[in-house]
Amino acid sequence: MNEITFTGVETVDNEDASYTCTAKAVIDGTEFSLESVEFVGSLTSNLLSLSPRFGTVVGGDELTFTGDNFSADTSLYTITIDGVDCPVSAATSTTVTCTTGSRPGLPETTLEIYIEG
């Protein structure tokens, strides 16, 4: 069985409208260049703010993300905060709203936003 693991994040200090880089694979210590990948800023969601910045651990708080290039299809989103689902109730091209769940204890603070497509 083969397995692919993606590791690392590359941050590129570049304000161009698009950026092309070559993906690579490392197999048994040998590096192989793959096809180029193009990042196009106008096709990528851009998170600018979230409100409110703090909420209760009991959940039930509406959290609104504001930005650019969001999808208006609420079914495309998976949002988790501190490992707890935050179901999306509304979305436009500039805002996404979800409702927080209960977060008992003191979990490590995390935020994951996945937009299918």
N, C-alpha and C. Protein backbone atom coordinates (compact mmCIF):
# COMPACT_ATOMS: atom_id res chain seq x y z
N MET A 1 0.85 -1.18 0.00
CA MET A 1 0.00 0.00 0.00
C MET A 1 0.89 1.23 0.00
N ASN A 2 0.54 2.19 -0.80
CA ASN A 2 1.28 3.46 -0.85
C ASN A 2 0.54 4.51 -0.04
N GLU A 3 1.29 5.42 0.50
CA GLU A 3 0.70 6.50 1.28
C GLU A 3 1.38 7.80 0.91
N ILE A 4 0.58 8.85 0.81
CA ILE A 4 1.12 10.18 0.52
C ILE A 4 0.87 11.04 1.74
N THR A 5 1.90 11.70 2.21
CA THR A 5 1.78 12.61 3.34
C THR A 5 2.27 13.98 2.90
N PHE A 6 1.45 14.98 3.15
CA PHE A 6 1.85 16.35 2.85
C PHE A 6 2.36 16.97 4.14
N THR A 7 3.56 17.52 4.08
CA THR A 7 4.14 18.13 5.28
C THR A 7 4.64 19.52 4.94
N GLY A 8 4.50 20.39 5.92
CA GLY A 8 5.07 21.72 5.78
C GLY A 8 4.14 22.70 5.11
N VAL A 9 4.41 23.94 5.36
CA VAL A 9 3.68 25.05 4.75
C VAL A 9 4.73 26.04 4.28
N GLU A 10 4.57 26.50 3.07
CA GLU A 10 5.51 27.48 2.55
C GLU A 10 4.80 28.83 2.48
N THR A 11 5.39 29.82 3.07
CA THR A 11 4.87 31.18 2.99
C THR A 11 5.73 31.95 2.01
N VAL A 12 5.10 32.54 1.04
CA VAL A 12 5.83 33.28 0.00
C VAL A 12 5.50 34.75 0.15
N ASP A 13 6.53 35.57 0.32
CA ASP A 13 6.35 37.01 0.44
C ASP A 13 6.27 37.59 -0.97
N ASN A 14 5.06 37.59 -1.53
CA ASN A 14 4.88 37.99 -2.91
C ASN A 14 3.46 38.55 -3.05
N GLU A 15 3.31 39.72 -3.60
CA GLU A 15 1.99 40.33 -3.74
C GLU A 15 1.48 40.31 -5.17
N ASP A 16 2.10 39.50 -6.04
CA ASP A 16 1.64 39.37 -7.41
C ASP A 16 0.27 38.71 -7.44
N ALA A 17 -0.47 38.90 -8.52
CA ALA A 17 -1.81 38.34 -8.66
C ALA A 17 -1.78 36.81 -8.75
N SER A 18 -0.65 36.26 -9.19
CA SER A 18 -0.51 34.81 -9.24
C SER A 18 0.94 34.44 -8.95
N TYR A 19 1.12 33.18 -8.56
CA TYR A 19 2.47 32.71 -8.23
C TYR A 19 2.55 31.24 -8.63
N THR A 20 3.60 30.88 -9.35
CA THR A 20 3.78 29.51 -9.79
C THR A 20 4.99 28.90 -9.10
N CYS A 21 4.81 27.69 -8.60
CA CYS A 21 5.94 26.99 -7.99
C CYS A 21 5.90 25.53 -8.44
N THR A 22 7.03 24.85 -8.30
CA THR A 22 7.13 23.45 -8.68
C THR A 22 6.96 22.60 -7.44
N ALA A 23 6.01 21.70 -7.48
CA ALA A 23 5.82 20.76 -6.37
C ALA A 23 6.93 19.72 -6.45
N LYS A 24 7.24 19.11 -5.32
CA LYS A 24 8.27 18.07 -5.33
C LYS A 24 7.84 16.92 -4.42
N ALA A 25 8.38 15.76 -4.73
CA ALA A 25 8.14 14.57 -3.92
C ALA A 25 9.50 14.05 -3.46
N VAL A 26 9.56 13.56 -2.24
CA VAL A 26 10.79 12.95 -1.73
C VAL A 26 10.46 11.50 -1.43
N ILE A 27 11.11 10.60 -2.14
CA ILE A 27 10.89 9.17 -1.98
C ILE A 27 12.21 8.51 -1.61
N ASP A 28 12.22 7.90 -0.44
CA ASP A 28 13.44 7.26 0.07
C ASP A 28 14.64 8.18 -0.02
N GLY A 29 14.44 9.46 0.32
CA GLY A 29 15.53 10.42 0.36
C GLY A 29 15.86 11.05 -0.98
N THR A 30 15.21 10.61 -2.06
CA THR A 30 15.47 11.17 -3.39
C THR A 30 14.36 12.14 -3.74
N GLU A 31 14.73 13.35 -4.16
CA GLU A 31 13.76 14.39 -4.48
C GLU A 31 13.42 14.37 -5.97
N PHE A 32 12.12 14.43 -6.26
CA PHE A 32 11.62 14.45 -7.63
C PHE A 32 10.78 15.70 -7.83
N SER A 33 11.02 16.42 -8.93
CA SER A 33 10.19 17.59 -9.25
C SER A 33 8.91 17.11 -9.93
N LEU A 34 7.80 17.72 -9.55
CA LEU A 34 6.50 17.39 -10.14
C LEU A 34 6.04 18.55 -11.00
N GLU A 35 4.83 18.48 -11.49
CA GLU A 35 4.30 19.56 -12.32
C GLU A 35 4.18 20.85 -11.51
N SER A 36 4.20 21.97 -12.22
CA SER A 36 4.06 23.26 -11.57
C SER A 36 2.64 23.44 -11.05
N VAL A 37 2.52 24.20 -9.97
CA VAL A 37 1.24 24.53 -9.37
C VAL A 37 1.14 26.05 -9.37
N GLU A 38 -0.02 26.56 -9.83
CA GLU A 38 -0.20 28.01 -9.86
C GLU A 38 -1.22 28.43 -8.81
N PHE A 39 -0.80 29.34 -7.97
CA PHE A 39 -1.69 29.98 -6.99
C PHE A 39 -2.23 31.24 -7.65
N VAL A 40 -3.57 31.37 -7.68
CA VAL A 40 -4.20 32.55 -8.27
C VAL A 40 -4.99 33.25 -7.17
N GLY A 41 -4.53 34.42 -6.79
CA GLY A 41 -5.12 35.14 -5.67
C GLY A 41 -6.60 35.42 -5.82
N SER A 42 -7.06 35.73 -7.03
CA SER A 42 -8.47 36.07 -7.24
C SER A 42 -9.39 34.87 -7.07
N LEU A 43 -8.84 33.65 -7.06
CA LEU A 43 -9.64 32.44 -6.88
C LEU A 43 -9.58 31.93 -5.44
N THR A 44 -8.83 32.63 -4.61
CA THR A 44 -8.60 32.17 -3.25
C THR A 44 -9.33 33.04 -2.24
N SER A 45 -9.99 32.40 -1.29
CA SER A 45 -10.66 33.15 -0.23
C SER A 45 -9.64 33.89 0.61
N ASN A 46 -10.02 35.06 1.07
CA ASN A 46 -9.13 35.91 1.85
C ASN A 46 -9.85 36.30 3.14
N LEU A 47 -9.41 35.76 4.27
CA LEU A 47 -10.03 36.06 5.56
C LEU A 47 -9.46 37.36 6.09
N LEU A 48 -10.36 38.33 6.37
CA LEU A 48 -9.92 39.64 6.87
C LEU A 48 -10.19 39.84 8.35
N SER A 49 -11.31 39.28 8.86
CA SER A 49 -11.63 39.47 10.28
C SER A 49 -12.64 38.43 10.72
N LEU A 50 -12.81 38.33 12.05
CA LEU A 50 -13.86 37.51 12.62
C LEU A 50 -14.45 38.23 13.81
N SER A 51 -15.75 37.99 14.03
CA SER A 51 -16.44 38.70 15.09
C SER A 51 -17.54 37.81 15.66
N PRO A 52 -17.66 37.72 16.97
CA PRO A 52 -16.81 38.35 17.99
C PRO A 52 -15.49 37.60 18.11
N ARG A 53 -14.50 38.25 18.68
CA ARG A 53 -13.18 37.63 18.83
C ARG A 53 -13.14 36.64 19.98
N PHE A 54 -14.08 36.75 20.92
CA PHE A 54 -14.12 35.84 22.06
C PHE A 54 -15.55 35.39 22.27
N GLY A 55 -15.72 34.17 22.80
CA GLY A 55 -17.05 33.65 23.09
C GLY A 55 -16.99 32.78 24.33
N THR A 56 -18.13 32.21 24.67
CA THR A 56 -18.20 31.37 25.86
C THR A 56 -17.80 29.94 25.52
N VAL A 57 -17.41 29.17 26.53
CA VAL A 57 -17.06 27.77 26.31
C VAL A 57 -18.31 26.89 26.23
N VAL A 58 -19.47 27.44 26.58
CA VAL A 58 -20.70 26.65 26.51
C VAL A 58 -21.23 26.57 25.08
N GLY A 59 -20.73 27.39 24.17
CA GLY A 59 -21.16 27.35 22.77
C GLY A 59 -22.42 28.15 22.53
N GLY A 60 -22.92 28.03 21.31
CA GLY A 60 -24.12 28.75 20.94
C GLY A 60 -23.87 30.16 20.44
N ASP A 61 -22.60 30.56 20.34
CA ASP A 61 -22.27 31.90 19.85
C ASP A 61 -22.21 31.90 18.33
N GLU A 62 -22.81 32.93 17.71
CA GLU A 62 -22.68 33.09 16.27
C GLU A 62 -21.36 33.79 15.97
N LEU A 63 -20.57 33.19 15.11
CA LEU A 63 -19.26 33.71 14.74
C LEU A 63 -19.31 34.06 13.26
N THR A 64 -18.93 35.29 12.91
CA THR A 64 -18.96 35.74 11.51
C THR A 64 -17.54 36.02 11.03
N PHE A 65 -17.19 35.34 9.94
CA PHE A 65 -15.91 35.56 9.26
C PHE A 65 -16.18 36.52 8.12
N THR A 66 -15.34 37.53 7.97
CA THR A 66 -15.49 38.52 6.90
C THR A 66 -14.25 38.47 6.02
N GLY A 67 -14.45 38.57 4.71
CA GLY A 67 -13.33 38.54 3.78
C GLY A 67 -13.78 38.70 2.35
N ASP A 68 -13.03 38.09 1.43
CA ASP A 68 -13.30 38.16 0.00
C ASP A 68 -13.32 36.76 -0.59
N ASN A 69 -14.05 36.60 -1.68
CA ASN A 69 -14.05 35.38 -2.49
C ASN A 69 -14.55 34.14 -1.74
N PHE A 70 -15.48 34.31 -0.82
CA PHE A 70 -16.09 33.17 -0.16
C PHE A 70 -17.16 32.58 -1.08
N SER A 71 -17.48 31.32 -0.86
CA SER A 71 -18.59 30.69 -1.58
C SER A 71 -19.88 30.95 -0.80
N ALA A 72 -20.98 31.17 -1.51
CA ALA A 72 -22.27 31.38 -0.85
C ALA A 72 -22.97 30.05 -0.55
N ASP A 73 -22.38 28.93 -0.94
CA ASP A 73 -22.96 27.61 -0.71
C ASP A 73 -22.52 27.08 0.66
N THR A 74 -23.43 27.11 1.62
CA THR A 74 -23.09 26.70 2.99
C THR A 74 -22.67 25.24 3.09
N SER A 75 -23.09 24.40 2.15
CA SER A 75 -22.76 22.97 2.21
C SER A 75 -21.29 22.70 1.91
N LEU A 76 -20.56 23.67 1.38
CA LEU A 76 -19.15 23.48 1.02
C LEU A 76 -18.19 23.68 2.19
N TYR A 77 -18.70 24.16 3.33
CA TYR A 77 -17.83 24.53 4.45
C TYR A 77 -17.77 23.45 5.52
N THR A 78 -16.58 23.28 6.07
CA THR A 78 -16.38 22.53 7.30
C THR A 78 -15.51 23.43 8.18
N ILE A 79 -16.08 23.89 9.29
CA ILE A 79 -15.34 24.77 10.20
C ILE A 79 -15.27 24.08 11.57
N THR A 80 -14.06 24.00 12.12
CA THR A 80 -13.90 23.47 13.47
C THR A 80 -13.11 24.47 14.30
N ILE A 81 -13.54 24.64 15.54
CA ILE A 81 -12.86 25.53 16.48
C ILE A 81 -12.52 24.69 17.70
N ASP A 82 -11.25 24.63 18.03
CA ASP A 82 -10.78 23.81 19.14
C ASP A 82 -11.23 22.36 18.98
N GLY A 83 -11.29 21.87 17.72
CA GLY A 83 -11.68 20.50 17.44
C GLY A 83 -13.17 20.25 17.48
N VAL A 84 -13.98 21.29 17.65
CA VAL A 84 -15.44 21.16 17.74
C VAL A 84 -16.07 21.78 16.49
N ASP A 85 -17.02 21.05 15.88
CA ASP A 85 -17.70 21.58 14.70
C ASP A 85 -18.38 22.91 14.98
N CYS A 86 -18.34 23.79 13.98
CA CYS A 86 -19.04 25.08 14.02
C CYS A 86 -19.90 25.10 12.76
N PRO A 87 -21.13 24.55 12.83
CA PRO A 87 -21.98 24.44 11.64
C PRO A 87 -22.28 25.81 11.01
N VAL A 88 -22.13 25.87 9.68
CA VAL A 88 -22.36 27.11 8.94
C VAL A 88 -23.85 27.30 8.71
N SER A 89 -24.36 28.47 9.08
CA SER A 89 -25.78 28.77 8.92
C SER A 89 -26.04 29.77 7.80
N ALA A 90 -25.03 30.53 7.38
CA ALA A 90 -25.20 31.52 6.32
C ALA A 90 -23.86 31.80 5.67
N ALA A 91 -23.89 32.12 4.36
CA ALA A 91 -22.67 32.47 3.64
C ALA A 91 -23.00 33.35 2.45
N THR A 92 -22.13 34.33 2.22
CA THR A 92 -22.19 35.17 1.03
C THR A 92 -20.77 35.22 0.47
N SER A 93 -20.55 36.03 -0.54
CA SER A 93 -19.20 36.15 -1.10
C SER A 93 -18.25 36.87 -0.15
N THR A 94 -18.79 37.55 0.89
CA THR A 94 -17.94 38.31 1.81
C THR A 94 -18.07 37.91 3.27
N THR A 95 -19.06 37.08 3.64
CA THR A 95 -19.20 36.67 5.04
C THR A 95 -19.62 35.20 5.13
N VAL A 96 -19.18 34.58 6.22
CA VAL A 96 -19.60 33.21 6.56
C VAL A 96 -19.92 33.22 8.05
N THR A 97 -21.08 32.68 8.43
CA THR A 97 -21.50 32.65 9.83
C THR A 97 -21.70 31.21 10.27
N CYS A 98 -21.14 30.88 11.44
CA CYS A 98 -21.33 29.56 12.02
C CYS A 98 -21.68 29.71 13.50
N THR A 99 -22.19 28.62 14.09
CA THR A 99 -22.57 28.64 15.50
C THR A 99 -21.65 27.70 16.27
N THR A 100 -20.98 28.22 17.28
CA THR A 100 -19.99 27.45 18.03
C THR A 100 -20.65 26.37 18.87
N GLY A 101 -19.89 25.30 19.10
CA GLY A 101 -20.32 24.21 19.96
C GLY A 101 -19.64 24.32 21.31
N SER A 102 -20.06 23.48 22.24
CA SER A 102 -19.49 23.46 23.59
C SER A 102 -18.04 22.97 23.55
N ARG A 103 -17.18 23.64 24.30
CA ARG A 103 -15.76 23.27 24.37
C ARG A 103 -15.37 23.08 25.83
N PRO A 104 -15.64 21.91 26.39
CA PRO A 104 -15.31 21.69 27.80
C PRO A 104 -13.80 21.65 28.03
N GLY A 105 -13.39 22.04 29.21
CA GLY A 105 -11.97 22.01 29.56
C GLY A 105 -11.20 23.14 28.90
N LEU A 106 -9.90 22.96 28.80
CA LEU A 106 -9.02 23.96 28.20
C LEU A 106 -8.27 23.35 27.03
N PRO A 107 -8.96 23.14 25.89
CA PRO A 107 -8.28 22.54 24.74
C PRO A 107 -7.30 23.52 24.11
N GLU A 108 -6.37 22.97 23.34
CA GLU A 108 -5.47 23.82 22.57
C GLU A 108 -6.31 24.61 21.57
N THR A 109 -6.06 25.89 21.46
CA THR A 109 -6.84 26.74 20.57
C THR A 109 -6.46 26.48 19.12
N THR A 110 -7.47 26.11 18.32
CA THR A 110 -7.26 25.87 16.90
C THR A 110 -8.46 26.37 16.11
N LEU A 111 -8.22 26.72 14.86
CA LEU A 111 -9.28 27.11 13.94
C LEU A 111 -8.96 26.50 12.60
N GLU A 112 -9.91 25.73 12.05
CA GLU A 112 -9.74 25.14 10.73
C GLU A 112 -10.95 25.49 9.90
N ILE A 113 -10.69 26.02 8.70
CA ILE A 113 -11.77 26.35 7.77
C ILE A 113 -11.45 25.62 6.47
N TYR A 114 -12.35 24.74 6.07
CA TYR A 114 -12.18 24.01 4.83
C TYR A 114 -13.33 24.37 3.90
N ILE A 115 -13.01 24.79 2.68
CA ILE A 115 -14.01 25.10 1.67
C ILE A 115 -13.79 24.15 0.52
N GLU A 116 -14.76 23.28 0.31
CA GLU A 116 -14.65 22.28 -0.76
C GLU A 116 -14.71 22.98 -2.12
N GLY A 117 -13.87 22.50 -3.02
CA GLY A 117 -13.94 23.02 -4.38
C GLY A 117 -12.77 23.82 -4.82
